[in-house]
N, C-alpha and C. Protein backbone atom coordinates (compact mmCIF):
# COMPACT_ATOMS: atom_id res chain seq x y z
N MET A 1 -22.86 25.50 13.54
CA MET A 1 -22.23 25.84 12.28
C MET A 1 -21.18 26.94 12.46
N LYS A 2 -21.54 27.98 13.26
CA LYS A 2 -20.59 29.07 13.50
C LYS A 2 -19.32 28.56 14.17
N LYS A 3 -19.49 27.62 15.11
CA LYS A 3 -18.33 27.08 15.82
C LYS A 3 -17.40 26.36 14.85
N ARG A 4 -17.96 25.64 13.91
CA ARG A 4 -17.13 24.93 12.91
C ARG A 4 -16.37 25.90 12.04
N ILE A 5 -17.02 26.96 11.62
CA ILE A 5 -16.36 27.97 10.78
C ILE A 5 -15.24 28.65 11.56
N ILE A 6 -15.51 29.01 12.80
CA ILE A 6 -14.48 29.64 13.64
C ILE A 6 -13.33 28.68 13.87
N THR A 7 -13.64 27.42 14.17
CA THR A 7 -12.59 26.41 14.38
C THR A 7 -11.76 26.23 13.12
N ALA A 8 -12.40 26.16 11.97
CA ALA A 8 -11.68 26.00 10.69
C ALA A 8 -10.78 27.21 10.43
N ALA A 9 -11.30 28.40 10.69
CA ALA A 9 -10.51 29.62 10.49
C ALA A 9 -9.29 29.63 11.40
N MET A 10 -9.48 29.21 12.64
CA MET A 10 -8.36 29.16 13.59
C MET A 10 -7.31 28.15 13.14
N LEU A 11 -7.74 27.01 12.66
CA LEU A 11 -6.80 25.99 12.18
C LEU A 11 -6.01 26.49 10.98
N LEU A 12 -6.68 27.17 10.05
CA LEU A 12 -5.99 27.74 8.90
C LEU A 12 -4.96 28.78 9.33
N THR A 13 -5.31 29.61 10.28
CA THR A 13 -4.38 30.62 10.80
C THR A 13 -3.17 29.96 11.44
N LEU A 14 -3.39 28.95 12.27
CA LEU A 14 -2.29 28.25 12.92
C LEU A 14 -1.41 27.53 11.90
N THR A 15 -2.02 26.92 10.89
CA THR A 15 -1.26 26.23 9.85
C THR A 15 -0.40 27.22 9.07
N ALA A 16 -0.97 28.37 8.71
CA ALA A 16 -0.21 29.40 7.99
C ALA A 16 0.94 29.92 8.85
N ALA A 17 0.71 30.12 10.12
CA ALA A 17 1.77 30.60 11.02
C ALA A 17 2.87 29.56 11.14
N ALA A 18 2.50 28.30 11.24
CA ALA A 18 3.51 27.23 11.34
C ALA A 18 4.33 27.16 10.07
N ALA A 19 3.68 27.29 8.91
CA ALA A 19 4.40 27.24 7.63
C ALA A 19 5.36 28.42 7.52
N ALA A 20 4.93 29.60 7.97
CA ALA A 20 5.80 30.78 7.91
C ALA A 20 7.02 30.59 8.79
N ASP A 21 6.86 29.90 9.93
CA ASP A 21 7.98 29.66 10.83
C ASP A 21 9.01 28.69 10.26
N GLU A 22 8.65 27.95 9.22
CA GLU A 22 9.58 27.00 8.62
C GLU A 22 10.69 27.70 7.87
N TYR A 23 10.48 28.94 7.49
CA TYR A 23 11.45 29.68 6.70
C TYR A 23 12.28 30.61 7.58
N ALA A 24 13.56 30.64 7.31
CA ALA A 24 14.47 31.51 8.05
C ALA A 24 14.29 32.96 7.59
N THR A 25 14.74 33.87 8.44
CA THR A 25 14.66 35.30 8.13
C THR A 25 16.04 35.81 7.69
N PRO A 26 16.07 36.95 7.01
CA PRO A 26 17.36 37.54 6.63
C PRO A 26 18.27 37.77 7.85
N ARG A 27 17.70 38.23 8.94
CA ARG A 27 18.50 38.48 10.15
C ARG A 27 19.12 37.18 10.66
N GLU A 28 18.37 36.07 10.61
CA GLU A 28 18.91 34.79 11.05
C GLU A 28 20.06 34.34 10.15
N ALA A 29 19.95 34.61 8.86
CA ALA A 29 21.04 34.26 7.93
C ALA A 29 22.30 35.06 8.25
N GLU A 30 22.14 36.35 8.49
CA GLU A 30 23.29 37.19 8.84
C GLU A 30 23.95 36.71 10.14
N LYS A 31 23.13 36.38 11.12
CA LYS A 31 23.67 35.90 12.40
C LYS A 31 24.39 34.57 12.24
N LEU A 32 23.83 33.67 11.43
CA LEU A 32 24.47 32.37 11.23
C LEU A 32 25.81 32.51 10.53
N VAL A 33 25.89 33.37 9.53
CA VAL A 33 27.16 33.60 8.83
C VAL A 33 28.18 34.19 9.79
N GLY A 34 27.77 35.18 10.59
CA GLY A 34 28.67 35.77 11.58
C GLY A 34 29.17 34.74 12.57
N LYS A 35 28.28 33.87 13.01
CA LYS A 35 28.65 32.79 13.93
C LYS A 35 29.65 31.84 13.29
N ALA A 36 29.42 31.49 12.03
CA ALA A 36 30.33 30.58 11.32
C ALA A 36 31.70 31.21 11.13
N VAL A 37 31.74 32.46 10.74
CA VAL A 37 33.02 33.16 10.55
C VAL A 37 33.79 33.20 11.87
N ALA A 38 33.12 33.55 12.95
CA ALA A 38 33.78 33.61 14.26
C ALA A 38 34.29 32.23 14.68
N ALA A 39 33.50 31.20 14.45
CA ALA A 39 33.91 29.84 14.82
C ALA A 39 35.10 29.37 13.99
N ILE A 40 35.09 29.68 12.71
CA ILE A 40 36.22 29.28 11.85
C ILE A 40 37.50 29.96 12.33
N ARG A 41 37.41 31.22 12.67
CA ARG A 41 38.59 31.94 13.19
C ARG A 41 39.07 31.34 14.51
N LYS A 42 38.14 30.99 15.39
CA LYS A 42 38.50 30.51 16.72
C LYS A 42 38.87 29.03 16.75
N GLU A 43 38.06 28.19 16.12
CA GLU A 43 38.22 26.74 16.22
C GLU A 43 38.97 26.11 15.05
N GLY A 44 39.07 26.86 13.95
CA GLY A 44 39.73 26.34 12.76
C GLY A 44 38.74 25.79 11.76
N ALA A 45 39.08 25.96 10.49
CA ALA A 45 38.19 25.55 9.41
C ALA A 45 37.85 24.06 9.42
N PRO A 46 38.82 23.15 9.57
CA PRO A 46 38.46 21.72 9.49
C PRO A 46 37.35 21.30 10.46
N LYS A 47 37.43 21.76 11.70
CA LYS A 47 36.43 21.38 12.70
C LYS A 47 35.06 21.96 12.35
N VAL A 48 35.02 23.23 12.00
CA VAL A 48 33.74 23.88 11.71
C VAL A 48 33.15 23.34 10.42
N TYR A 49 33.97 23.16 9.39
CA TYR A 49 33.47 22.60 8.13
C TYR A 49 32.86 21.22 8.35
N ALA A 50 33.50 20.40 9.17
CA ALA A 50 32.99 19.06 9.46
C ALA A 50 31.63 19.14 10.16
N GLY A 51 31.49 20.04 11.11
CA GLY A 51 30.21 20.21 11.80
C GLY A 51 29.11 20.69 10.88
N ILE A 52 29.44 21.65 10.03
CA ILE A 52 28.46 22.16 9.07
C ILE A 52 27.99 21.03 8.16
N THR A 53 28.94 20.32 7.59
CA THR A 53 28.61 19.27 6.61
C THR A 53 27.90 18.09 7.26
N ALA A 54 28.15 17.84 8.54
CA ALA A 54 27.46 16.76 9.27
C ALA A 54 26.06 17.17 9.70
N LYS A 55 25.65 18.38 9.33
CA LYS A 55 24.33 18.92 9.69
C LYS A 55 24.15 19.02 11.20
N ASP A 56 25.24 19.35 11.89
CA ASP A 56 25.19 19.55 13.33
C ASP A 56 24.11 20.60 13.64
N ALA A 57 23.34 20.36 14.68
CA ALA A 57 22.25 21.26 15.05
C ALA A 57 22.74 22.68 15.36
N ALA A 58 24.01 22.83 15.67
CA ALA A 58 24.56 24.17 15.90
C ALA A 58 24.59 24.97 14.60
N TRP A 59 24.55 24.27 13.46
CA TRP A 59 24.69 24.93 12.17
C TRP A 59 23.48 24.83 11.27
N VAL A 60 22.63 23.85 11.46
CA VAL A 60 21.53 23.62 10.52
C VAL A 60 20.20 23.65 11.26
N ARG A 61 19.29 24.49 10.76
CA ARG A 61 17.93 24.55 11.32
C ARG A 61 16.96 24.76 10.17
N GLY A 62 16.17 23.74 9.87
CA GLY A 62 15.19 23.84 8.79
C GLY A 62 15.84 24.16 7.46
N ASP A 63 15.41 25.27 6.85
CA ASP A 63 15.97 25.65 5.56
C ASP A 63 17.19 26.56 5.68
N LEU A 64 17.67 26.79 6.88
CA LEU A 64 18.82 27.67 7.10
C LEU A 64 20.07 26.86 7.43
N TYR A 65 21.10 27.04 6.64
CA TYR A 65 22.36 26.32 6.82
C TYR A 65 23.48 27.09 6.13
N PRO A 66 24.71 26.96 6.61
CA PRO A 66 25.82 27.63 5.95
C PRO A 66 26.40 26.80 4.80
N VAL A 67 27.02 27.52 3.88
CA VAL A 67 27.79 26.94 2.79
C VAL A 67 29.08 27.74 2.71
N VAL A 68 30.20 27.06 2.54
CA VAL A 68 31.49 27.74 2.43
C VAL A 68 32.12 27.35 1.10
N TYR A 69 32.62 28.36 0.37
CA TYR A 69 33.29 28.15 -0.91
C TYR A 69 34.70 28.69 -0.84
N ASP A 70 35.60 28.13 -1.66
CA ASP A 70 36.88 28.80 -1.85
C ASP A 70 36.66 29.86 -2.94
N MET A 71 37.64 30.66 -3.21
CA MET A 71 37.48 31.78 -4.13
C MET A 71 37.50 31.36 -5.60
N GLN A 72 37.50 30.05 -5.86
CA GLN A 72 37.37 29.55 -7.22
C GLN A 72 36.01 28.88 -7.42
N GLY A 73 35.19 28.83 -6.38
CA GLY A 73 33.85 28.26 -6.49
C GLY A 73 33.73 26.82 -6.04
N LYS A 74 34.77 26.28 -5.41
CA LYS A 74 34.71 24.92 -4.89
C LYS A 74 34.06 24.93 -3.51
N VAL A 75 33.16 23.98 -3.27
CA VAL A 75 32.46 23.88 -1.99
C VAL A 75 33.39 23.24 -0.95
N LEU A 76 33.56 23.93 0.17
CA LEU A 76 34.40 23.44 1.27
C LEU A 76 33.56 22.85 2.40
N ALA A 77 32.33 23.35 2.56
CA ALA A 77 31.39 22.84 3.57
C ALA A 77 29.99 23.13 3.07
N HIS A 78 29.06 22.21 3.35
CA HIS A 78 27.68 22.41 2.89
C HIS A 78 26.73 21.81 3.92
N GLY A 79 25.91 22.64 4.52
CA GLY A 79 25.02 22.21 5.59
C GLY A 79 23.77 21.48 5.14
N GLN A 80 23.57 21.29 3.85
CA GLN A 80 22.39 20.59 3.38
C GLN A 80 22.73 19.33 2.59
N THR A 81 23.81 19.39 1.78
CA THR A 81 24.13 18.28 0.89
C THR A 81 25.62 17.99 0.95
N ALA A 82 26.00 16.99 1.71
CA ALA A 82 27.42 16.64 1.88
C ALA A 82 28.09 16.28 0.56
N LYS A 83 27.32 15.74 -0.39
CA LYS A 83 27.89 15.35 -1.68
C LYS A 83 28.45 16.54 -2.46
N MET A 84 28.07 17.75 -2.07
CA MET A 84 28.54 18.95 -2.77
C MET A 84 29.97 19.31 -2.38
N VAL A 85 30.42 18.86 -1.21
CA VAL A 85 31.76 19.21 -0.74
C VAL A 85 32.80 18.67 -1.71
N GLY A 86 33.71 19.56 -2.10
CA GLY A 86 34.77 19.20 -3.04
C GLY A 86 34.42 19.50 -4.48
N LYS A 87 33.17 19.83 -4.76
CA LYS A 87 32.74 20.09 -6.14
C LYS A 87 32.99 21.55 -6.51
N ASP A 88 33.45 21.73 -7.74
CA ASP A 88 33.63 23.06 -8.31
C ASP A 88 32.30 23.46 -8.95
N LEU A 89 31.66 24.47 -8.41
CA LEU A 89 30.33 24.87 -8.88
C LEU A 89 30.33 26.19 -9.64
N ILE A 90 31.49 26.65 -10.05
CA ILE A 90 31.59 27.96 -10.69
C ILE A 90 30.70 28.08 -11.93
N GLU A 91 30.42 26.98 -12.62
CA GLU A 91 29.60 27.01 -13.83
C GLU A 91 28.13 26.68 -13.57
N LEU A 92 27.74 26.51 -12.31
CA LEU A 92 26.36 26.17 -11.97
C LEU A 92 25.44 27.34 -12.26
N ARG A 93 24.29 27.04 -12.87
CA ARG A 93 23.30 28.07 -13.17
C ARG A 93 22.05 27.84 -12.33
N ASP A 94 21.35 28.93 -12.02
CA ASP A 94 20.09 28.79 -11.31
C ASP A 94 18.97 28.52 -12.33
N ALA A 95 17.74 28.48 -11.87
CA ALA A 95 16.60 28.17 -12.74
C ALA A 95 16.40 29.20 -13.84
N ASP A 96 16.93 30.40 -13.65
CA ASP A 96 16.80 31.47 -14.65
C ASP A 96 18.01 31.55 -15.57
N GLY A 97 18.96 30.63 -15.41
CA GLY A 97 20.15 30.62 -16.26
C GLY A 97 21.31 31.47 -15.74
N LYS A 98 21.17 32.03 -14.57
CA LYS A 98 22.20 32.89 -13.98
C LYS A 98 23.32 32.04 -13.40
N TYR A 99 24.56 32.40 -13.69
CA TYR A 99 25.73 31.75 -13.10
C TYR A 99 25.88 32.31 -11.68
N PHE A 100 25.09 31.80 -10.76
CA PHE A 100 24.99 32.43 -9.45
C PHE A 100 26.21 32.19 -8.56
N ILE A 101 26.90 31.08 -8.71
CA ILE A 101 28.12 30.87 -7.91
C ILE A 101 29.23 31.77 -8.43
N ARG A 102 29.36 31.87 -9.75
CA ARG A 102 30.35 32.78 -10.33
C ARG A 102 30.11 34.20 -9.84
N GLU A 103 28.85 34.63 -9.88
CA GLU A 103 28.51 35.98 -9.41
C GLU A 103 28.84 36.13 -7.92
N ARG A 104 28.55 35.11 -7.15
CA ARG A 104 28.82 35.13 -5.70
C ARG A 104 30.31 35.32 -5.44
N ILE A 105 31.14 34.59 -6.16
CA ILE A 105 32.59 34.69 -5.98
C ILE A 105 33.08 36.07 -6.42
N GLU A 106 32.55 36.57 -7.53
CA GLU A 106 32.94 37.92 -7.99
C GLU A 106 32.57 38.97 -6.94
N GLN A 107 31.40 38.84 -6.36
CA GLN A 107 31.00 39.80 -5.32
C GLN A 107 31.89 39.67 -4.09
N ALA A 108 32.26 38.45 -3.74
CA ALA A 108 33.14 38.24 -2.58
C ALA A 108 34.51 38.85 -2.81
N ARG A 109 34.97 38.84 -4.04
CA ARG A 109 36.27 39.46 -4.35
C ARG A 109 36.19 40.99 -4.23
N ALA A 110 35.00 41.54 -4.48
CA ALA A 110 34.84 42.99 -4.51
C ALA A 110 34.41 43.59 -3.16
N LYS A 111 33.73 42.80 -2.31
CA LYS A 111 33.16 43.34 -1.08
C LYS A 111 33.37 42.38 0.08
N PRO A 112 33.46 42.89 1.30
CA PRO A 112 33.63 41.99 2.46
C PRO A 112 32.35 41.25 2.84
N ASN A 113 31.17 41.82 2.50
CA ASN A 113 29.90 41.13 2.76
C ASN A 113 28.86 41.68 1.79
N PHE A 114 27.83 40.87 1.52
CA PHE A 114 26.84 41.26 0.53
C PHE A 114 25.65 40.30 0.57
N TRP A 115 24.56 40.75 -0.05
CA TRP A 115 23.38 39.91 -0.32
C TRP A 115 23.34 39.65 -1.82
N GLN A 116 22.93 38.44 -2.20
CA GLN A 116 22.82 38.08 -3.61
C GLN A 116 21.45 37.42 -3.84
N ASP A 117 20.80 37.79 -4.94
CA ASP A 117 19.51 37.21 -5.31
C ASP A 117 19.70 36.17 -6.41
N TYR A 118 18.94 35.08 -6.33
CA TYR A 118 18.93 34.03 -7.36
C TYR A 118 17.71 33.15 -7.13
N SER A 119 17.54 32.14 -7.95
CA SER A 119 16.42 31.20 -7.80
C SER A 119 16.96 29.85 -7.37
N PHE A 120 16.20 29.15 -6.50
CA PHE A 120 16.68 27.87 -5.98
C PHE A 120 15.50 27.00 -5.58
N VAL A 121 15.71 25.70 -5.50
CA VAL A 121 14.66 24.78 -5.09
C VAL A 121 14.51 24.83 -3.57
N ASP A 122 13.30 25.14 -3.13
CA ASP A 122 12.97 25.20 -1.71
C ASP A 122 12.83 23.77 -1.18
N PRO A 123 13.60 23.38 -0.15
CA PRO A 123 13.50 22.02 0.35
C PRO A 123 12.17 21.69 1.03
N VAL A 124 11.41 22.71 1.43
CA VAL A 124 10.12 22.49 2.08
C VAL A 124 9.03 22.21 1.04
N SER A 125 8.88 23.12 0.06
CA SER A 125 7.80 22.99 -0.93
C SER A 125 8.23 22.24 -2.19
N LYS A 126 9.55 22.08 -2.39
CA LYS A 126 10.12 21.43 -3.58
C LYS A 126 9.87 22.23 -4.86
N SER A 127 9.53 23.50 -4.73
CA SER A 127 9.33 24.34 -5.91
C SER A 127 10.47 25.36 -6.01
N ILE A 128 10.65 25.91 -7.19
CA ILE A 128 11.70 26.91 -7.41
C ILE A 128 11.18 28.25 -6.90
N LEU A 129 11.95 28.84 -5.99
CA LEU A 129 11.57 30.10 -5.37
C LEU A 129 12.72 31.09 -5.45
N PRO A 130 12.41 32.39 -5.40
CA PRO A 130 13.48 33.38 -5.29
C PRO A 130 14.16 33.25 -3.94
N LYS A 131 15.47 33.33 -3.95
CA LYS A 131 16.25 33.18 -2.73
C LYS A 131 17.26 34.31 -2.63
N ARG A 132 17.62 34.64 -1.40
CA ARG A 132 18.66 35.64 -1.13
C ARG A 132 19.72 34.97 -0.29
N MET A 133 20.98 35.17 -0.68
CA MET A 133 22.09 34.58 0.04
C MET A 133 22.92 35.71 0.64
N TYR A 134 23.15 35.62 1.96
CA TYR A 134 24.03 36.56 2.63
C TYR A 134 25.40 35.92 2.74
N CYS A 135 26.44 36.66 2.37
CA CYS A 135 27.80 36.11 2.36
C CYS A 135 28.79 37.09 2.98
N GLU A 136 29.81 36.51 3.60
CA GLU A 136 30.95 37.28 4.10
C GLU A 136 32.23 36.61 3.63
N ARG A 137 33.16 37.44 3.16
CA ARG A 137 34.47 36.92 2.77
C ARG A 137 35.29 36.69 4.03
N LEU A 138 35.98 35.57 4.08
CA LEU A 138 36.89 35.25 5.17
C LEU A 138 38.17 34.73 4.54
N ASP A 139 39.19 35.56 4.53
CA ASP A 139 40.46 35.22 3.89
C ASP A 139 40.20 34.83 2.44
N GLU A 140 40.50 33.61 2.07
CA GLU A 140 40.31 33.15 0.69
C GLU A 140 39.07 32.26 0.55
N THR A 141 38.08 32.53 1.40
CA THR A 141 36.82 31.79 1.33
C THR A 141 35.65 32.76 1.41
N VAL A 142 34.46 32.25 1.11
CA VAL A 142 33.24 33.02 1.28
C VAL A 142 32.25 32.11 2.03
N VAL A 143 31.72 32.66 3.12
CA VAL A 143 30.80 31.93 3.99
C VAL A 143 29.41 32.52 3.77
N CYS A 144 28.43 31.65 3.47
CA CYS A 144 27.09 32.12 3.11
C CYS A 144 25.99 31.35 3.81
N ALA A 145 24.82 31.98 3.88
CA ALA A 145 23.58 31.33 4.32
C ALA A 145 22.44 32.06 3.63
N GLY A 146 21.43 31.31 3.18
CA GLY A 146 20.38 31.93 2.39
C GLY A 146 18.99 31.79 2.97
N VAL A 147 18.11 32.65 2.50
CA VAL A 147 16.71 32.64 2.90
C VAL A 147 15.84 32.73 1.64
N TYR A 148 14.68 32.12 1.71
CA TYR A 148 13.73 32.20 0.61
C TYR A 148 12.91 33.47 0.78
N LYS A 149 12.70 34.17 -0.34
CA LYS A 149 11.87 35.38 -0.30
C LYS A 149 10.42 34.96 -0.20
N ARG A 150 9.70 35.64 0.68
CA ARG A 150 8.28 35.35 0.85
C ARG A 150 7.48 36.60 0.62
């Protein structure tokens, strides 16, 4: 009986650790945005945007992916949903009614980099969770990657 309890406890611990590893960290988001900004400067926006939107493994890992907007809120590249590219999302609201893209663009106009809080659907659990998006302004664009708060 003790062996079964210990085995069950170990399995629960391993399952919890595996689930925690599914989520990206704030540091990983910052590094991914920095990598995207450097690549756009070096290789050019069209090539990098295409790789991001194609979900190239260099850009997308689990719930971590970059998104690039122009300064009017139009999506230029999206590492999770290609259908979003070309869409003007300035009026999009999160689950709490916040115009989070509008706020993101306003912050990008005011600061070279920042973190933004909002609510979003987690692709792993399919539930609405608090999320933080790290963004850096690059010329007339804003490059972002987000993490779910745990």
